[in-house]
């Protein structure tokens, strides 16, 4: 049985991944967010920690005995990720899975909409900076770059870092499904950077 820390556990992707892990695995989950204390827990398998990633005290507590750290955040991502990397290295937790965004490598083709690329959308800069920090670390990382997520068809395709996106949208449950595959398979996606989209959407 693995111990999985979900940072950003109250967010859309964090919640979807949490519920799928509870359904498909017997893992123990630690749910970390500013308002994690408001979550209704499965007391046999879940622990919540309310914390602020600008301060590492709660993060050190949350990181103890974890096997995988799954991150789905918004906000000051470079600062948050620096703190997470520092704590992970100190407590020797090595596996990290990070949700970034499509477009951070200008990999969206014109047929999909180049306005979603970093060169046209400065908002993506923090996602690119966070991804660069993770790739430069000594951690065993996987970066996931989802398309515009919504509720819909769960058919999806995976692209590599140097491949263009084949679709604009992606179902939230598809992101969670791929994340759970990465969490459960220790050999899948190590030190790789993937796009995920619904093809021809």
N, C-alpha and C. Protein backbone atom coordinates (compact mmCIF):
# COMPACT_ATOMS: atom_id res chain seq x y z
N UNK A 1 0.84 -1.20 0.00
CA UNK A 1 0.00 0.00 0.00
C UNK A 1 0.88 1.24 0.00
N UNK A 2 0.54 2.19 -0.86
CA UNK A 2 1.30 3.43 -0.95
C UNK A 2 0.64 4.53 -0.12
N UNK A 3 1.46 5.50 0.23
CA UNK A 3 0.98 6.73 0.83
C UNK A 3 1.13 7.84 -0.21
N UNK A 4 0.03 8.54 -0.48
CA UNK A 4 0.01 9.56 -1.52
C UNK A 4 -0.39 10.89 -0.90
N UNK A 5 0.42 11.90 -1.14
CA UNK A 5 0.12 13.26 -0.70
C UNK A 5 -0.45 14.03 -1.88
N UNK A 6 -1.66 14.55 -1.73
CA UNK A 6 -2.29 15.37 -2.76
C UNK A 6 -2.25 16.82 -2.30
N UNK A 7 -1.44 17.63 -2.98
CA UNK A 7 -1.33 19.06 -2.67
C UNK A 7 -2.24 19.82 -3.63
N UNK A 8 -3.20 20.52 -3.06
CA UNK A 8 -4.26 21.11 -3.86
C UNK A 8 -5.48 20.20 -3.86
N UNK A 9 -5.71 19.56 -2.71
CA UNK A 9 -6.72 18.50 -2.62
C UNK A 9 -8.14 19.01 -2.74
N UNK A 10 -8.38 20.30 -2.53
CA UNK A 10 -9.74 20.83 -2.65
C UNK A 10 -10.06 21.35 -4.04
N UNK A 11 -9.07 21.34 -4.94
CA UNK A 11 -9.30 21.82 -6.30
C UNK A 11 -9.97 20.78 -7.18
N UNK A 12 -10.30 21.18 -8.37
CA UNK A 12 -11.04 20.30 -9.29
C UNK A 12 -10.28 19.02 -9.61
N UNK A 13 -9.02 19.14 -10.03
CA UNK A 13 -8.25 17.96 -10.39
C UNK A 13 -7.85 17.17 -9.14
N UNK A 14 -7.50 17.87 -8.08
CA UNK A 14 -7.17 17.19 -6.84
C UNK A 14 -8.31 16.33 -6.34
N UNK A 15 -9.51 16.86 -6.38
CA UNK A 15 -10.68 16.11 -5.93
C UNK A 15 -10.96 14.91 -6.83
N UNK A 16 -10.87 15.11 -8.13
CA UNK A 16 -11.13 14.00 -9.06
C UNK A 16 -10.11 12.88 -8.88
N UNK A 17 -8.86 13.24 -8.71
CA UNK A 17 -7.81 12.24 -8.51
C UNK A 17 -7.99 11.54 -7.18
N UNK A 18 -8.32 12.29 -6.17
CA UNK A 18 -8.60 11.71 -4.84
C UNK A 18 -9.68 10.64 -4.93
N UNK A 19 -10.80 10.98 -5.54
CA UNK A 19 -11.93 10.04 -5.59
C UNK A 19 -11.58 8.79 -6.40
N UNK A 20 -10.81 8.95 -7.47
CA UNK A 20 -10.43 7.79 -8.27
C UNK A 20 -9.45 6.90 -7.51
N UNK A 21 -8.54 7.50 -6.76
CA UNK A 21 -7.62 6.70 -5.94
C UNK A 21 -8.38 5.92 -4.86
N UNK A 22 -9.39 6.54 -4.27
CA UNK A 22 -10.19 5.84 -3.27
C UNK A 22 -10.95 4.68 -3.90
N UNK A 23 -11.37 4.84 -5.13
CA UNK A 23 -12.15 3.80 -5.82
C UNK A 23 -11.28 2.66 -6.32
N UNK A 24 -10.10 3.00 -6.88
CA UNK A 24 -9.30 2.01 -7.61
C UNK A 24 -8.14 1.43 -6.83
N UNK A 25 -7.81 2.01 -5.67
CA UNK A 25 -6.66 1.52 -4.91
C UNK A 25 -7.03 1.38 -3.43
N UNK A 26 -6.08 0.84 -2.68
CA UNK A 26 -6.23 0.80 -1.22
C UNK A 26 -5.25 1.75 -0.54
N UNK A 27 -4.75 2.75 -1.29
CA UNK A 27 -3.71 3.65 -0.79
C UNK A 27 -4.26 4.56 0.31
N UNK A 28 -3.32 5.03 1.14
CA UNK A 28 -3.67 6.04 2.12
C UNK A 28 -3.36 7.42 1.53
N UNK A 29 -4.32 8.34 1.67
CA UNK A 29 -4.18 9.66 1.09
C UNK A 29 -4.05 10.72 2.17
N UNK A 30 -3.09 11.63 1.98
CA UNK A 30 -2.99 12.82 2.81
C UNK A 30 -3.40 14.00 1.95
N UNK A 31 -4.42 14.71 2.38
CA UNK A 31 -5.02 15.79 1.60
C UNK A 31 -4.56 17.13 2.16
N UNK A 32 -3.81 17.88 1.34
CA UNK A 32 -3.20 19.13 1.78
C UNK A 32 -3.81 20.28 1.00
N UNK A 33 -4.33 21.26 1.72
CA UNK A 33 -4.87 22.48 1.11
C UNK A 33 -5.10 23.49 2.22
N UNK A 34 -5.34 24.73 1.84
CA UNK A 34 -5.60 25.76 2.85
C UNK A 34 -6.82 25.42 3.69
N UNK A 35 -7.83 24.84 3.05
CA UNK A 35 -9.08 24.53 3.75
C UNK A 35 -9.34 23.02 3.79
N UNK A 36 -8.28 22.24 3.88
CA UNK A 36 -8.45 20.78 3.89
C UNK A 36 -9.28 20.30 5.07
N UNK A 37 -9.31 21.07 6.15
CA UNK A 37 -10.10 20.70 7.33
C UNK A 37 -11.59 20.68 7.05
N UNK A 38 -12.01 21.26 5.94
CA UNK A 38 -13.44 21.29 5.60
C UNK A 38 -13.87 20.07 4.78
N UNK A 39 -12.92 19.22 4.39
CA UNK A 39 -13.25 18.05 3.61
C UNK A 39 -13.87 16.96 4.49
N UNK A 40 -14.79 16.22 3.92
CA UNK A 40 -15.34 15.04 4.59
C UNK A 40 -14.47 13.85 4.23
N UNK A 41 -13.89 13.21 5.23
CA UNK A 41 -12.85 12.21 5.00
C UNK A 41 -13.37 10.78 5.10
N UNK A 42 -12.70 9.91 4.39
CA UNK A 42 -12.77 8.47 4.65
C UNK A 42 -11.75 8.22 5.78
N UNK A 43 -12.23 8.10 6.99
CA UNK A 43 -11.34 8.09 8.16
C UNK A 43 -10.38 6.91 8.18
N UNK A 44 -10.71 5.84 7.46
CA UNK A 44 -9.82 4.68 7.41
C UNK A 44 -8.64 4.90 6.48
N UNK A 45 -8.80 5.82 5.53
CA UNK A 45 -7.79 5.92 4.47
C UNK A 45 -7.31 7.34 4.19
N UNK A 46 -7.84 8.33 4.88
CA UNK A 46 -7.48 9.70 4.56
C UNK A 46 -7.14 10.51 5.80
N UNK A 47 -6.19 11.41 5.60
CA UNK A 47 -5.82 12.40 6.61
C UNK A 47 -5.81 13.76 5.92
N UNK A 48 -6.28 14.78 6.60
CA UNK A 48 -6.25 16.12 6.03
C UNK A 48 -5.30 17.01 6.82
N UNK A 49 -4.60 17.87 6.10
CA UNK A 49 -3.72 18.85 6.72
C UNK A 49 -3.99 20.21 6.08
N UNK A 50 -4.44 21.16 6.85
CA UNK A 50 -4.64 22.52 6.35
C UNK A 50 -3.33 23.27 6.48
N UNK A 51 -2.82 23.78 5.37
CA UNK A 51 -1.53 24.43 5.41
C UNK A 51 -1.36 25.47 4.33
N UNK A 52 -0.33 26.26 4.48
CA UNK A 52 0.01 27.34 3.55
C UNK A 52 1.38 27.01 2.96
N UNK A 53 1.45 26.89 1.65
CA UNK A 53 2.71 26.52 1.01
C UNK A 53 3.76 27.61 1.07
N UNK A 54 3.40 28.80 1.52
CA UNK A 54 4.40 29.84 1.75
C UNK A 54 5.20 29.57 3.02
N UNK A 55 4.69 28.68 3.86
CA UNK A 55 5.37 28.30 5.11
C UNK A 55 5.49 26.78 5.10
N UNK A 56 6.64 26.28 5.48
CA UNK A 56 6.90 24.85 5.26
C UNK A 56 6.61 23.97 6.47
N UNK A 57 6.19 24.53 7.59
CA UNK A 57 5.96 23.71 8.79
C UNK A 57 4.95 22.62 8.53
N UNK A 58 3.77 22.99 7.98
CA UNK A 58 2.74 21.99 7.71
C UNK A 58 3.17 21.05 6.59
N UNK A 59 3.94 21.57 5.64
CA UNK A 59 4.40 20.76 4.52
C UNK A 59 5.35 19.67 5.00
N UNK A 60 6.24 19.99 5.92
CA UNK A 60 7.12 18.97 6.50
C UNK A 60 6.29 17.87 7.16
N UNK A 61 5.27 18.27 7.87
CA UNK A 61 4.39 17.29 8.53
C UNK A 61 3.69 16.42 7.50
N UNK A 62 3.18 17.04 6.46
CA UNK A 62 2.43 16.29 5.44
C UNK A 62 3.32 15.33 4.66
N UNK A 63 4.58 15.66 4.52
CA UNK A 63 5.48 14.90 3.65
C UNK A 63 6.02 13.62 4.30
N UNK A 64 5.85 13.47 5.60
CA UNK A 64 6.42 12.32 6.29
C UNK A 64 5.82 11.01 5.77
N UNK A 65 6.72 10.08 5.42
CA UNK A 65 6.34 8.71 5.02
C UNK A 65 5.53 8.64 3.73
N UNK A 66 5.63 9.67 2.91
CA UNK A 66 4.90 9.63 1.64
C UNK A 66 5.73 8.90 0.58
N UNK A 67 5.01 8.28 -0.35
CA UNK A 67 5.65 7.62 -1.49
C UNK A 67 5.53 8.44 -2.77
N UNK A 68 4.43 9.16 -2.92
CA UNK A 68 4.17 9.95 -4.12
C UNK A 68 3.56 11.29 -3.70
N UNK A 69 4.01 12.37 -4.37
CA UNK A 69 3.42 13.69 -4.15
C UNK A 69 2.77 14.11 -5.46
N UNK A 70 1.47 14.35 -5.40
CA UNK A 70 0.69 14.79 -6.56
C UNK A 70 0.28 16.24 -6.34
N UNK A 71 0.55 17.11 -7.32
CA UNK A 71 0.36 18.55 -7.14
C UNK A 71 -0.55 19.09 -8.24
N UNK A 72 -1.64 19.73 -7.83
CA UNK A 72 -2.54 20.41 -8.77
C UNK A 72 -2.93 21.74 -8.14
N UNK A 73 -2.20 22.80 -8.52
CA UNK A 73 -2.30 24.09 -7.85
C UNK A 73 -2.49 25.24 -8.82
N UNK A 74 -2.89 26.36 -8.28
CA UNK A 74 -2.80 27.64 -8.96
C UNK A 74 -2.14 28.61 -7.98
N UNK A 75 -1.89 29.83 -8.43
CA UNK A 75 -1.25 30.80 -7.54
C UNK A 75 0.21 31.00 -7.87
N UNK A 76 1.02 31.29 -6.87
CA UNK A 76 2.44 31.57 -7.06
C UNK A 76 3.21 30.26 -7.21
N UNK A 77 3.04 29.62 -8.36
CA UNK A 77 3.56 28.27 -8.56
C UNK A 77 5.07 28.16 -8.41
N UNK A 78 5.88 29.07 -8.96
CA UNK A 78 7.32 28.91 -8.77
C UNK A 78 7.72 28.90 -7.29
N UNK A 79 7.14 29.78 -6.50
CA UNK A 79 7.47 29.81 -5.07
C UNK A 79 6.99 28.54 -4.38
N UNK A 80 5.77 28.13 -4.67
CA UNK A 80 5.23 26.91 -4.05
C UNK A 80 6.10 25.70 -4.40
N UNK A 81 6.44 25.59 -5.68
CA UNK A 81 7.20 24.43 -6.14
C UNK A 81 8.60 24.41 -5.54
N UNK A 82 9.23 25.57 -5.41
CA UNK A 82 10.54 25.62 -4.75
C UNK A 82 10.45 25.07 -3.33
N UNK A 83 9.41 25.48 -2.60
CA UNK A 83 9.24 24.99 -1.23
C UNK A 83 8.98 23.49 -1.21
N UNK A 84 8.15 23.02 -2.12
CA UNK A 84 7.85 21.59 -2.17
C UNK A 84 9.11 20.78 -2.49
N UNK A 85 9.87 21.21 -3.49
CA UNK A 85 11.10 20.50 -3.84
C UNK A 85 12.06 20.46 -2.66
N UNK A 86 12.23 21.59 -1.98
CA UNK A 86 13.14 21.65 -0.83
C UNK A 86 12.75 20.65 0.24
N UNK A 87 11.47 20.62 0.57
CA UNK A 87 11.00 19.71 1.62
C UNK A 87 11.10 18.26 1.16
N UNK A 88 10.74 17.97 -0.08
CA UNK A 88 10.84 16.61 -0.58
C UNK A 88 12.27 16.10 -0.51
N UNK A 89 13.20 16.92 -0.92
CA UNK A 89 14.60 16.49 -0.89
C UNK A 89 15.09 16.29 0.54
N UNK A 90 14.63 17.14 1.44
CA UNK A 90 15.07 17.03 2.83
C UNK A 90 14.54 15.76 3.50
N UNK A 91 13.29 15.41 3.21
CA UNK A 91 12.72 14.21 3.83
C UNK A 91 12.87 12.97 2.95
N UNK A 92 13.51 13.15 1.79
CA UNK A 92 13.84 12.07 0.86
C UNK A 92 12.60 11.37 0.31
N UNK A 93 11.64 12.17 -0.09
CA UNK A 93 10.52 11.69 -0.90
C UNK A 93 10.85 12.10 -2.34
N UNK A 94 10.87 11.14 -3.25
CA UNK A 94 11.43 11.42 -4.57
C UNK A 94 10.42 11.53 -5.70
N UNK A 95 9.24 10.94 -5.56
CA UNK A 95 8.30 10.87 -6.69
C UNK A 95 7.33 12.04 -6.67
N UNK A 96 7.32 12.81 -7.76
CA UNK A 96 6.47 14.00 -7.85
C UNK A 96 5.73 13.98 -9.19
N UNK A 97 4.44 14.28 -9.15
CA UNK A 97 3.61 14.40 -10.34
C UNK A 97 2.96 15.78 -10.28
N UNK A 98 3.17 16.56 -11.32
CA UNK A 98 2.77 17.97 -11.30
C UNK A 98 1.86 18.29 -12.48
N UNK A 99 0.74 18.94 -12.19
CA UNK A 99 -0.17 19.39 -13.23
C UNK A 99 0.23 20.79 -13.67
N UNK A 100 0.64 20.91 -14.91
CA UNK A 100 1.00 22.21 -15.50
C UNK A 100 -0.14 22.63 -16.44
N UNK A 101 0.19 23.06 -17.64
CA UNK A 101 -0.83 23.50 -18.59
C UNK A 101 -0.32 23.30 -20.01
N UNK A 102 -1.23 23.02 -20.92
CA UNK A 102 -0.84 23.02 -22.33
C UNK A 102 -0.38 24.43 -22.71
N UNK A 103 0.50 24.49 -23.68
CA UNK A 103 0.93 25.77 -24.21
C UNK A 103 2.22 26.31 -23.63
N UNK A 104 2.74 25.70 -22.57
CA UNK A 104 3.93 26.28 -21.94
C UNK A 104 5.18 26.12 -22.79
N UNK A 105 5.13 25.24 -23.80
CA UNK A 105 6.24 25.10 -24.75
C UNK A 105 5.82 25.56 -26.15
N UNK A 106 4.74 26.34 -26.23
CA UNK A 106 4.21 26.79 -27.51
C UNK A 106 3.91 25.61 -28.44
N UNK A 107 3.35 24.56 -27.84
CA UNK A 107 3.13 23.31 -28.55
C UNK A 107 1.71 23.18 -29.11
N UNK A 108 0.90 24.25 -28.98
CA UNK A 108 -0.46 24.22 -29.52
C UNK A 108 -0.40 24.69 -30.97
N UNK A 109 -0.83 23.86 -31.92
CA UNK A 109 -0.77 24.27 -33.33
C UNK A 109 -1.86 25.28 -33.66
N UNK A 110 -1.70 25.93 -34.80
CA UNK A 110 -2.66 26.96 -35.22
C UNK A 110 -4.07 26.39 -35.35
N UNK A 111 -4.17 25.13 -35.76
CA UNK A 111 -5.49 24.51 -35.95
C UNK A 111 -6.25 24.38 -34.63
N UNK A 112 -5.55 24.36 -33.52
CA UNK A 112 -6.17 24.25 -32.20
C UNK A 112 -6.37 25.62 -31.58
N UNK A 113 -5.42 26.54 -31.83
CA UNK A 113 -5.55 27.89 -31.29
C UNK A 113 -4.27 28.36 -30.62
N UNK A 114 -3.41 29.04 -31.39
CA UNK A 114 -2.11 29.43 -30.87
C UNK A 114 -2.20 30.50 -29.79
N UNK A 115 -3.36 31.10 -29.61
CA UNK A 115 -3.51 32.08 -28.55
C UNK A 115 -3.33 31.45 -27.16
N UNK A 116 -3.42 30.11 -27.11
CA UNK A 116 -3.21 29.41 -25.84
C UNK A 116 -1.76 29.11 -25.55
N UNK A 117 -0.84 29.52 -26.42
CA UNK A 117 0.58 29.30 -26.19
C UNK A 117 1.20 30.39 -25.32
N UNK A 118 2.29 30.03 -24.68
CA UNK A 118 3.00 30.95 -23.79
C UNK A 118 3.35 32.26 -24.48
N UNK A 119 3.73 32.20 -25.76
CA UNK A 119 4.15 33.42 -26.47
C UNK A 119 3.01 34.42 -26.62
N UNK A 120 1.76 33.95 -26.46
CA UNK A 120 0.60 34.84 -26.54
C UNK A 120 -0.13 34.99 -25.21
N UNK A 121 0.25 34.19 -24.23
CA UNK A 121 -0.48 34.15 -22.96
C UNK A 121 0.49 34.19 -21.79
N UNK A 122 0.84 35.38 -21.31
CA UNK A 122 1.82 35.52 -20.23
C UNK A 122 1.41 34.80 -18.93
N UNK A 123 0.12 34.54 -18.76
CA UNK A 123 -0.35 33.84 -17.56
C UNK A 123 0.33 32.48 -17.40
N UNK A 124 0.73 31.88 -18.51
CA UNK A 124 1.33 30.54 -18.46
C UNK A 124 2.78 30.56 -17.97
N UNK A 125 3.36 31.74 -17.84
CA UNK A 125 4.77 31.81 -17.46
C UNK A 125 5.05 31.11 -16.15
N UNK A 126 4.16 31.24 -15.17
CA UNK A 126 4.38 30.62 -13.86
C UNK A 126 4.33 29.09 -13.96
N UNK A 127 3.49 28.57 -14.87
CA UNK A 127 3.46 27.12 -15.07
C UNK A 127 4.77 26.64 -15.70
N UNK A 128 5.27 27.41 -16.66
CA UNK A 128 6.54 27.04 -17.30
C UNK A 128 7.69 27.11 -16.29
N UNK A 129 7.71 28.17 -15.48
CA UNK A 129 8.78 28.29 -14.49
C UNK A 129 8.74 27.13 -13.49
N UNK A 130 7.54 26.77 -13.05
CA UNK A 130 7.41 25.66 -12.10
C UNK A 130 7.86 24.35 -12.74
N UNK A 131 7.46 24.12 -13.98
CA UNK A 131 7.88 22.90 -14.68
C UNK A 131 9.39 22.85 -14.84
N UNK A 132 10.00 23.98 -15.18
CA UNK A 132 11.46 24.03 -15.32
C UNK A 132 12.15 23.71 -14.00
N UNK A 133 11.62 24.21 -12.90
CA UNK A 133 12.21 23.92 -11.59
C UNK A 133 12.15 22.43 -11.27
N UNK A 134 11.04 21.82 -11.57
CA UNK A 134 10.89 20.39 -11.29
C UNK A 134 11.83 19.57 -12.17
N UNK A 135 11.91 19.92 -13.45
CA UNK A 135 12.79 19.17 -14.35
C UNK A 135 14.26 19.32 -13.96
N UNK A 136 14.62 20.45 -13.38
CA UNK A 136 16.01 20.69 -12.98
C UNK A 136 16.35 20.06 -11.63
N UNK A 137 15.36 19.55 -10.93
CA UNK A 137 15.59 18.97 -9.61
C UNK A 137 16.10 17.53 -9.74
N UNK A 138 16.42 16.93 -8.60
CA UNK A 138 16.86 15.54 -8.58
C UNK A 138 15.69 14.58 -8.38
N UNK A 139 14.47 15.08 -8.41
CA UNK A 139 13.29 14.26 -8.13
C UNK A 139 12.90 13.42 -9.35
N UNK A 140 12.20 12.33 -9.08
CA UNK A 140 11.64 11.48 -10.14
C UNK A 140 10.29 12.08 -10.52
N UNK A 141 10.28 12.88 -11.57
CA UNK A 141 9.11 13.70 -11.86
C UNK A 141 8.31 13.16 -13.05
N UNK A 142 7.05 13.52 -13.06
CA UNK A 142 6.23 13.50 -14.28
C UNK A 142 5.44 14.80 -14.31
N UNK A 143 5.50 15.49 -15.43
CA UNK A 143 4.72 16.70 -15.63
C UNK A 143 3.59 16.39 -16.60
N UNK A 144 2.38 16.80 -16.24
CA UNK A 144 1.20 16.61 -17.09
C UNK A 144 0.70 17.97 -17.53
N UNK A 145 0.54 18.15 -18.83
CA UNK A 145 0.05 19.41 -19.39
C UNK A 145 -1.33 19.18 -20.00
N UNK A 146 -2.38 19.39 -19.22
CA UNK A 146 -3.72 19.15 -19.76
C UNK A 146 -4.21 20.27 -20.66
N UNK A 147 -5.09 19.90 -21.56
CA UNK A 147 -5.83 20.90 -22.31
C UNK A 147 -6.84 21.58 -21.41
N UNK A 148 -7.73 22.34 -22.02
CA UNK A 148 -8.78 23.05 -21.29
C UNK A 148 -9.73 22.00 -20.71
N UNK A 149 -9.76 21.88 -19.37
CA UNK A 149 -10.51 20.76 -18.83
C UNK A 149 -11.96 21.10 -18.53
N UNK A 150 -12.81 20.08 -18.76
CA UNK A 150 -14.24 20.22 -18.61
C UNK A 150 -14.83 18.83 -18.43
N UNK A 151 -16.14 18.76 -18.29
CA UNK A 151 -16.83 17.49 -18.18
C UNK A 151 -17.24 17.07 -19.58
N UNK A 152 -16.86 15.87 -19.95
CA UNK A 152 -17.18 15.42 -21.29
C UNK A 152 -16.62 14.04 -21.53
N UNK A 153 -16.40 13.71 -22.79
CA UNK A 153 -15.88 12.41 -23.17
C UNK A 153 -14.54 12.14 -22.49
N UNK A 154 -14.36 10.90 -22.05
CA UNK A 154 -13.13 10.56 -21.36
C UNK A 154 -12.09 9.92 -22.28
N UNK A 155 -12.34 9.93 -23.57
CA UNK A 155 -11.32 9.49 -24.53
C UNK A 155 -10.18 10.50 -24.51
N UNK A 156 -8.95 10.01 -24.44
CA UNK A 156 -7.83 10.96 -24.43
C UNK A 156 -6.60 10.39 -25.09
N UNK A 157 -5.72 11.30 -25.51
CA UNK A 157 -4.43 10.90 -26.05
C UNK A 157 -3.33 11.62 -25.27
N UNK A 158 -2.16 10.97 -25.25
CA UNK A 158 -0.99 11.50 -24.56
C UNK A 158 0.04 11.92 -25.61
N UNK A 159 0.59 13.09 -25.45
CA UNK A 159 1.66 13.56 -26.32
C UNK A 159 2.93 13.79 -25.50
N UNK A 160 4.06 13.73 -26.16
CA UNK A 160 5.33 13.99 -25.50
C UNK A 160 5.64 15.48 -25.56
N UNK A 161 6.73 15.86 -24.95
CA UNK A 161 7.07 17.27 -24.81
C UNK A 161 7.25 17.96 -26.15
N UNK A 162 7.75 17.23 -27.16
CA UNK A 162 8.05 17.86 -28.44
C UNK A 162 6.97 17.63 -29.49
N UNK A 163 5.81 17.08 -29.08
CA UNK A 163 4.73 16.83 -30.01
C UNK A 163 3.64 17.89 -29.88
N UNK A 164 3.00 18.26 -30.99
CA UNK A 164 1.90 19.23 -30.91
C UNK A 164 0.66 18.60 -30.30
N UNK A 165 -0.17 19.44 -29.72
CA UNK A 165 -1.45 18.99 -29.19
C UNK A 165 -2.39 18.62 -30.34
N UNK A 166 -3.21 17.58 -30.12
CA UNK A 166 -4.17 17.16 -31.13
C UNK A 166 -5.58 17.61 -30.83
N UNK A 167 -5.78 18.28 -29.69
CA UNK A 167 -7.11 18.74 -29.32
C UNK A 167 -7.01 19.80 -28.25
N UNK A 168 -8.06 20.58 -28.10
CA UNK A 168 -8.05 21.71 -27.18
C UNK A 168 -8.53 21.34 -25.78
N UNK A 169 -9.47 20.39 -25.69
CA UNK A 169 -10.15 20.11 -24.42
C UNK A 169 -9.72 18.76 -23.85
N UNK A 170 -10.09 18.56 -22.58
CA UNK A 170 -9.84 17.28 -21.92
C UNK A 170 -10.81 17.15 -20.75
N UNK A 171 -11.35 15.96 -20.57
CA UNK A 171 -12.24 15.72 -19.45
C UNK A 171 -11.45 15.66 -18.14
N UNK A 172 -12.02 16.23 -17.10
CA UNK A 172 -11.37 16.20 -15.78
C UNK A 172 -11.07 14.77 -15.36
N UNK A 173 -12.01 13.87 -15.58
CA UNK A 173 -11.81 12.47 -15.19
C UNK A 173 -10.70 11.80 -15.99
N UNK A 174 -10.44 12.28 -17.20
CA UNK A 174 -9.34 11.73 -17.99
C UNK A 174 -7.99 12.10 -17.37
N UNK A 175 -7.89 13.35 -16.91
CA UNK A 175 -6.66 13.76 -16.23
C UNK A 175 -6.45 12.90 -14.99
N UNK A 176 -7.51 12.71 -14.21
CA UNK A 176 -7.42 11.89 -13.00
C UNK A 176 -7.04 10.46 -13.34
N UNK A 177 -7.62 9.91 -14.41
CA UNK A 177 -7.31 8.54 -14.81
C UNK A 177 -5.83 8.38 -15.13
N UNK A 178 -5.28 9.32 -15.90
CA UNK A 178 -3.86 9.25 -16.23
C UNK A 178 -2.99 9.43 -14.99
N UNK A 179 -3.38 10.34 -14.12
CA UNK A 179 -2.62 10.55 -12.88
C UNK A 179 -2.59 9.29 -12.04
N UNK A 180 -3.72 8.61 -11.92
CA UNK A 180 -3.77 7.38 -11.11
C UNK A 180 -2.90 6.29 -11.73
N UNK A 181 -2.86 6.21 -13.06
CA UNK A 181 -1.97 5.25 -13.71
C UNK A 181 -0.52 5.53 -13.34
N UNK A 182 -0.14 6.81 -13.34
CA UNK A 182 1.23 7.18 -12.98
C UNK A 182 1.52 6.88 -11.51
N UNK A 183 0.56 7.12 -10.65
CA UNK A 183 0.74 6.90 -9.22
C UNK A 183 0.88 5.40 -8.91
N UNK A 184 0.13 4.58 -9.60
CA UNK A 184 0.12 3.15 -9.29
C UNK A 184 1.27 2.38 -9.96
N UNK A 185 1.80 2.89 -11.05
CA UNK A 185 2.86 2.20 -11.79
C UNK A 185 4.18 2.94 -11.58
N UNK A 186 5.06 2.35 -10.79
CA UNK A 186 6.32 3.01 -10.43
C UNK A 186 7.25 3.22 -11.62
N UNK A 187 7.03 2.51 -12.70
CA UNK A 187 7.93 2.62 -13.86
C UNK A 187 7.38 3.53 -14.95
N UNK A 188 6.17 4.03 -14.79
CA UNK A 188 5.52 4.78 -15.85
C UNK A 188 5.81 6.28 -15.74
N UNK A 189 6.31 6.85 -16.82
CA UNK A 189 6.42 8.30 -16.93
C UNK A 189 7.52 8.95 -16.12
N UNK A 190 8.51 8.19 -15.69
CA UNK A 190 9.57 8.78 -14.86
C UNK A 190 10.40 9.75 -15.69
N UNK A 191 10.55 10.96 -15.16
CA UNK A 191 11.31 12.03 -15.81
C UNK A 191 10.81 12.30 -17.22
N UNK A 192 9.48 12.33 -17.35
CA UNK A 192 8.86 12.64 -18.63
C UNK A 192 7.83 13.74 -18.47
N UNK A 193 7.49 14.34 -19.59
CA UNK A 193 6.65 15.52 -19.62
C UNK A 193 5.60 15.29 -20.71
N UNK A 194 4.33 15.15 -20.30
CA UNK A 194 3.28 14.72 -21.20
C UNK A 194 2.20 15.79 -21.38
N UNK A 195 1.69 15.89 -22.59
CA UNK A 195 0.45 16.59 -22.83
C UNK A 195 -0.70 15.59 -22.79
N UNK A 196 -1.88 16.05 -22.42
CA UNK A 196 -3.06 15.19 -22.44
C UNK A 196 -4.23 15.99 -23.01
N UNK A 197 -4.89 15.42 -24.02
CA UNK A 197 -5.99 16.11 -24.67
C UNK A 197 -6.97 15.09 -25.25
N UNK A 198 -8.16 15.58 -25.56
CA UNK A 198 -9.12 14.79 -26.33
C UNK A 198 -8.86 15.08 -27.78
N UNK A 199 -8.47 14.08 -28.57
CA UNK A 199 -8.09 14.35 -29.96
C UNK A 199 -9.25 14.89 -30.79
N UNK A 200 -8.91 15.83 -31.66
CA UNK A 200 -9.87 16.41 -32.61
C UNK A 200 -11.08 17.03 -31.95
N UNK A 201 -10.86 17.58 -30.72
CA UNK A 201 -11.98 18.21 -30.03
C UNK A 201 -12.00 19.70 -30.30
